[in-house]
Protein backbone atom coordinates (compact mmCIF):
# COMPACT_ATOMS: atom_id res chain seq x y z
CA MET A 1 120.22 17.71 -24.10
CA SER A 2 118.89 16.73 -27.50
CA ASP A 3 115.33 17.68 -28.43
CA ALA A 4 114.99 14.08 -29.67
CA PHE A 5 114.75 12.80 -26.09
CA ASN A 6 112.17 10.03 -26.27
CA LEU A 7 108.78 10.84 -24.73
CA PHE A 8 108.34 7.34 -23.33
CA GLU A 9 111.80 7.44 -21.78
CA ALA A 10 110.81 10.67 -20.04
CA ILE A 11 107.55 9.09 -18.81
CA ASN A 12 109.26 5.91 -17.62
CA THR A 13 112.05 7.66 -15.70
CA ASN A 14 110.40 10.83 -14.41
CA ARG A 15 110.30 9.99 -10.72
CA ALA A 16 109.63 12.61 -8.05
CA ILE A 17 112.83 14.50 -7.29
CA ARG A 18 112.98 15.83 -3.73
CA ARG A 19 116.70 16.50 -3.32
CA PHE A 20 118.42 19.07 -5.51
CA ARG A 21 121.85 20.44 -6.24
CA SER A 22 122.28 24.16 -5.69
CA ASP A 23 123.26 24.91 -9.32
CA PRO A 24 121.01 27.57 -10.87
CA VAL A 25 118.56 26.77 -13.65
CA PRO A 26 119.46 28.74 -16.81
CA ASP A 27 116.76 31.13 -18.02
CA GLU A 28 116.68 29.39 -21.40
CA LEU A 29 115.72 26.06 -19.83
CA LEU A 30 113.18 27.68 -17.54
CA GLN A 31 111.55 29.32 -20.57
CA ARG A 32 111.41 25.98 -22.37
CA VAL A 33 109.64 24.14 -19.58
CA LEU A 34 107.17 27.01 -19.19
CA ASP A 35 106.54 27.03 -22.93
CA ALA A 36 105.83 23.29 -22.78
CA ALA A 37 103.33 23.94 -19.99
CA THR A 38 101.40 26.36 -22.19
CA ARG A 39 101.01 23.73 -24.92
CA ALA A 40 98.58 21.71 -22.79
CA PRO A 41 94.80 21.69 -23.28
CA SER A 42 92.47 23.74 -21.10
CA GLY A 43 88.70 24.00 -20.75
CA THR A 44 87.19 25.82 -23.78
CA ASN A 45 90.80 26.72 -24.65
CA ARG A 46 90.72 29.57 -22.13
CA GLN A 47 94.43 29.14 -21.40
CA ASN A 48 93.80 30.66 -18.00
CA TRP A 49 96.77 28.96 -16.38
CA ARG A 50 99.23 31.23 -14.67
CA PHE A 51 102.71 30.30 -13.46
CA LEU A 52 104.36 32.21 -10.64
CA VAL A 53 108.12 31.58 -10.75
CA LEU A 54 109.82 32.02 -7.39
CA ARG A 55 113.60 32.51 -7.45
CA ASP A 56 114.23 35.12 -4.77
CA PRO A 57 115.76 33.24 -1.79
CA SER A 58 113.69 35.11 0.80
CA VAL A 59 110.44 34.44 -1.07
CA ARG A 60 111.31 30.77 -1.53
CA ALA A 61 112.11 30.50 2.17
CA ALA A 62 108.78 32.02 3.19
CA ILE A 63 106.77 29.77 0.86
CA GLY A 64 108.84 26.77 1.89
CA ALA A 65 108.02 27.47 5.53
CA LEU A 66 104.28 27.47 4.77
CA TYR A 67 104.61 24.26 2.79
CA GLY A 68 106.54 22.65 5.63
CA GLN A 69 103.84 23.68 8.08
CA GLY A 70 101.19 22.08 5.89
CA PHE A 71 103.24 18.91 5.56
CA ARG A 72 103.71 18.55 9.31
CA GLU A 73 99.98 19.02 9.89
CA VAL A 74 99.23 16.03 7.66
CA TYR A 75 102.30 13.87 8.20
CA THR A 76 102.98 13.94 11.90
CA PRO A 77 106.14 12.28 13.26
CA GLU A 78 103.92 9.50 14.61
CA ARG A 79 102.39 8.86 11.19
CA ILE A 80 105.79 8.77 9.53
CA ALA A 81 107.15 6.43 12.22
CA GLN A 82 104.21 4.06 11.72
CA ALA A 83 104.75 3.73 7.97
CA PRO A 84 105.47 0.12 6.94
CA ALA A 85 109.14 -0.56 6.33
CA GLY A 86 110.20 -0.51 2.72
CA GLN A 87 109.15 1.72 -0.15
CA GLN A 88 106.44 3.65 1.71
CA ALA A 89 108.80 4.52 4.54
CA ARG A 90 111.44 5.66 2.05
CA VAL A 91 108.94 7.83 0.19
CA LEU A 92 107.69 9.45 3.40
CA GLY A 93 111.25 10.06 4.52
CA SER A 94 112.04 11.69 1.20
CA ALA A 95 108.86 13.78 1.38
CA ALA A 96 109.76 14.90 4.90
CA TYR A 97 113.18 15.95 3.66
CA LEU A 98 111.59 18.03 0.90
CA ALA A 99 109.23 19.64 3.41
CA GLU A 100 112.22 20.78 5.46
CA HIS A 101 114.17 22.02 2.44
CA MET A 102 111.49 23.20 0.00
CA GLY A 103 112.50 26.80 0.50
CA ASP A 104 116.28 26.54 0.46
CA GLU A 105 117.42 23.71 -1.80
CA ALA A 106 115.61 23.80 -5.16
CA PRO A 107 116.71 27.00 -6.96
CA VAL A 108 113.24 27.52 -8.48
CA LEU A 109 109.72 27.03 -7.17
CA ILE A 110 106.83 27.24 -9.63
CA LEU A 111 103.32 27.90 -8.36
CA ALA A 112 100.74 26.66 -10.89
CA CYS A 113 97.51 28.65 -10.76
CA LEU A 114 94.22 29.21 -12.58
CA GLU A 115 92.83 32.70 -13.06
CA ASN A 116 89.04 32.84 -12.91
CA THR A 117 86.60 35.63 -13.67
CA PRO A 118 86.33 37.89 -10.61
CA GLY A 119 83.24 36.99 -8.61
CA SER A 120 82.92 33.54 -10.16
CA PRO A 121 81.97 30.60 -7.89
CA PRO A 122 84.69 28.48 -6.27
CA PRO A 123 86.34 25.94 -8.58
CA SER A 124 84.55 22.63 -9.03
CA GLN A 125 86.03 19.14 -9.10
CA SER A 126 86.72 19.57 -12.83
CA GLY A 127 88.81 22.69 -12.29
CA GLY A 128 92.06 20.77 -12.22
CA ALA A 129 91.45 19.59 -15.78
CA SER A 130 92.61 22.99 -16.98
CA ILE A 131 95.84 23.13 -14.98
CA TYR A 132 97.19 19.65 -14.24
CA PRO A 133 97.81 18.75 -17.91
CA SER A 134 100.03 21.82 -18.14
CA VAL A 135 101.82 20.77 -14.95
CA GLN A 136 102.51 17.35 -16.45
CA ASN A 137 103.81 18.97 -19.64
CA LEU A 138 106.12 21.12 -17.54
CA MET A 139 107.41 18.15 -15.58
CA LEU A 140 108.05 15.99 -18.64
CA ALA A 141 109.80 18.86 -20.41
CA ALA A 142 111.97 19.35 -17.35
CA ARG A 143 112.86 15.66 -17.36
CA ALA A 144 113.81 15.83 -21.04
CA LEU A 145 116.21 18.66 -20.18
CA GLY A 146 117.72 16.78 -17.23
CA LEU A 147 115.89 18.83 -14.60
CA GLY A 148 114.01 17.32 -11.67
CA THR A 149 110.56 18.22 -10.37
CA CYS A 150 107.99 17.04 -7.87
CA LEU A 151 104.25 17.75 -7.82
CA THR A 152 103.18 18.97 -4.37
CA THR A 153 99.92 20.47 -3.10
CA LEU A 154 100.19 20.80 0.69
CA HIS A 155 100.76 24.57 0.46
CA ILE A 156 96.99 24.73 -0.20
CA ARG A 157 96.40 24.15 3.52
CA HIS A 158 97.78 27.68 3.94
CA GLU A 159 96.69 29.10 0.60
CA ALA A 160 95.37 32.36 2.07
CA GLU A 161 98.78 33.11 3.55
CA VAL A 162 100.53 32.07 0.33
CA LYS A 163 98.30 34.38 -1.71
CA THR A 164 98.82 37.29 0.68
CA LEU A 165 102.57 36.81 0.67
CA LEU A 166 102.76 36.70 -3.14
CA GLY A 167 100.07 39.25 -3.94
CA ILE A 168 97.82 36.73 -5.68
CA PRO A 169 94.30 38.10 -6.28
CA ASP A 170 91.21 36.48 -4.80
CA HIS A 171 89.99 35.25 -8.20
CA VAL A 172 93.18 33.20 -8.73
CA ASP A 173 93.44 29.72 -7.23
CA THR A 174 96.67 27.81 -6.68
CA TYR A 175 96.86 24.12 -7.56
CA ALA A 176 100.46 22.94 -7.34
CA LEU A 177 103.83 23.97 -5.96
CA ILE A 178 106.63 22.48 -8.06
CA PRO A 179 110.30 22.58 -7.03
CA LEU A 180 112.56 22.67 -10.08
CA GLY A 181 116.29 22.09 -10.23
CA TRP A 182 119.14 19.71 -10.97
CA PRO A 183 118.57 16.38 -9.20
CA ALA A 184 121.02 15.28 -6.54
CA ALA A 185 120.47 11.62 -7.50
CA PRO A 186 119.82 9.85 -10.82
CA PHE A 187 116.36 9.55 -12.37
CA GLY A 188 114.24 6.34 -12.48
CA PRO A 189 113.50 3.75 -13.54
CA LEU A 190 110.07 3.80 -11.96
CA THR A 191 108.31 0.94 -10.20
CA ARG A 192 104.57 0.85 -10.80
CA ARG A 193 101.75 -1.64 -10.38
CA PRO A 194 101.01 -3.69 -13.51
CA ILE A 195 98.26 -2.31 -15.74
CA GLU A 196 96.33 -5.56 -15.15
CA GLU A 197 95.87 -4.52 -11.51
CA VAL A 198 94.51 -1.07 -12.25
CA THR A 199 92.52 -1.46 -15.49
CA PHE A 200 88.95 -2.67 -16.03
CA PHE A 201 87.01 -3.09 -19.28
CA ASP A 202 83.42 -1.95 -19.92
CA ARG A 203 82.39 -2.42 -16.26
CA TRP A 204 84.06 -1.81 -12.90
CA GLY A 205 85.92 -4.94 -11.83
CA ARG A 206 85.85 -6.61 -15.25
CA LEU A 207 89.40 -7.59 -16.17
CA LYS A 208 88.79 -8.71 -19.75
């Protein structure tokens, strides 16, 4: 795909992809999305993001199982069944599908992490500021190349097991698990609430 792919087109069509074709992701494209991730800002320019790329089928299956367990703990069958009909029900159904297939459908899983100084205190609320911009860069770059992604975090419910399985040191924290692959269905367009419903000026609640 051309490098001239419009940024706003990528933003406006980059919906969460939860169903993937089995086709492999070429190394060249994987390198390009990872390179885009490293172009993001980070606190004091530490660039302490780390990306663990999971391609081995057995590793993906094990991580997918832990993600699925976390999903089922939060989204019980009763909760899914009680979702209002329409978009929310469709989204939850799609998310449940991903939870069951995280480890066997997407050919690549990327675990986005931050490496801290050993012995440093647990990450604060601002910790994500040094990793989530890079995740967004990665996802937009993937979209520009025709690849699908989805930002997920429910593996964190079993982070200790994830870290043990993957040999991640104690001073590294995981923030996102991103499936990456060729989408099984077309991208966007996205449906979002109008900016007038989510934007205030100078004071909370002030619309103009």
